[in-house]
Protein backbone atom coordinates (compact mmCIF):
# COMPACT_ATOMS: atom_id res chain seq x y z
CA GLY A 1 16.16 11.96 9.18
CA LYS A 2 14.48 11.97 5.78
CA ASP A 3 16.70 9.27 4.37
CA ASN A 4 15.82 6.85 7.18
CA LYS A 5 12.14 7.57 6.81
CA ALA A 6 12.41 6.86 3.06
CA ILE A 7 14.29 3.55 3.74
CA ILE A 8 11.63 2.47 6.24
CA ALA A 9 8.80 3.41 3.81
CA SER A 10 10.38 1.48 1.02
CA ASN A 11 10.92 -1.52 3.22
CA ILE A 12 7.27 -1.42 4.30
CA MET A 13 6.12 -1.13 0.67
CA TYR A 14 8.27 -4.02 -0.34
CA VAL A 15 6.87 -6.30 2.46
CA VAL A 16 3.21 -5.41 1.89
CA GLY A 17 3.62 -5.94 -1.83
CA GLN A 18 4.91 -9.50 -1.22
CA TYR A 19 1.78 -10.76 0.67
CA PRO A 20 -1.42 -10.10 -1.34
CA ARG A 21 -3.05 -13.16 0.22
CA PHE A 22 -2.69 -11.73 3.74
CA LEU A 23 -4.07 -8.40 2.42
CA ARG A 24 -7.11 -10.13 0.89
CA ALA A 25 -7.81 -11.84 4.16
CA HIS A 26 -7.56 -8.67 6.24
CA TRP A 27 -9.62 -5.79 4.80
CA LYS A 28 -8.86 -3.24 7.51
CA PHE A 29 -5.17 -3.78 7.11
CA LEU A 30 -5.44 -3.58 3.32
CA LYS A 31 -7.37 -0.27 3.70
CA THR A 32 -4.65 1.12 6.03
CA VAL A 33 -1.90 0.03 3.65
CA VAL A 34 -3.55 1.75 0.72
CA ASN A 35 -4.13 4.95 2.65
CA LYS A 36 -0.45 4.94 3.65
CA LEU A 37 0.54 4.37 -0.01
CA PHE A 38 -1.43 7.48 -0.96
CA GLU A 39 0.52 9.40 1.73
CA PHE A 40 3.81 8.04 0.31
CA MET A 41 2.68 9.15 -3.16
CA HIS A 42 2.90 12.80 -1.88
CA GLU A 43 6.38 12.27 -0.34
CA THR A 44 9.14 14.48 -1.74
CA HIS A 45 11.96 12.06 -1.18
CA GLU A 46 13.30 10.66 -4.48
CA GLY A 47 12.03 7.21 -5.32
CA VAL A 48 9.38 7.00 -2.61
CA GLN A 49 6.65 8.24 -4.94
CA ASP A 50 7.55 5.81 -7.72
CA MET A 51 7.67 2.89 -5.33
CA ALA A 52 4.36 3.86 -3.77
CA CYS A 53 2.74 3.97 -7.22
CA ASP A 54 4.30 0.62 -8.22
CA THR A 55 3.25 -1.02 -4.97
CA PHE A 56 -0.35 0.31 -5.31
CA ILE A 57 -0.58 -1.04 -8.82
CA LYS A 58 0.67 -4.40 -7.69
CA ILE A 59 -1.78 -4.60 -4.76
CA ALA A 60 -4.68 -3.22 -6.84
CA GLN A 61 -4.09 -5.99 -9.45
CA LYS A 62 -3.78 -8.78 -6.91
CA CYS A 63 -6.64 -7.60 -4.60
CA ARG A 64 -8.88 -6.09 -7.32
CA ARG A 65 -12.10 -7.78 -6.17
CA HIS A 66 -11.71 -6.32 -2.65
CA PHE A 67 -11.74 -2.80 -3.97
CA ILE A 68 -14.98 -3.23 -5.97
CA THR A 69 -16.89 -5.17 -3.25
CA ILE A 70 -18.49 -3.35 -0.37
CA GLN A 71 -16.71 -4.76 2.70
CA LEU A 72 -18.31 -5.55 6.04
CA GLY A 73 -18.55 -2.38 8.12
CA GLU A 74 -18.19 -0.03 5.13
CA SER A 75 -20.86 1.97 3.42
């Protein structure tokens, strides 16, 4: 149920937060991860919102140039 979904979400956030170099090398995946983090920020389960915000801050700091550069295929 909801608890399992929250556990999976937190595990995903932990893993993606550990590999900024992979995210920097794969723009489409980075974009998908960030969109998913924004979804998790609206989650009502306790702790998921906080972890989503923390993970986003971590990724934004480590991949900052990728957010301000227009990527190939983007407009």
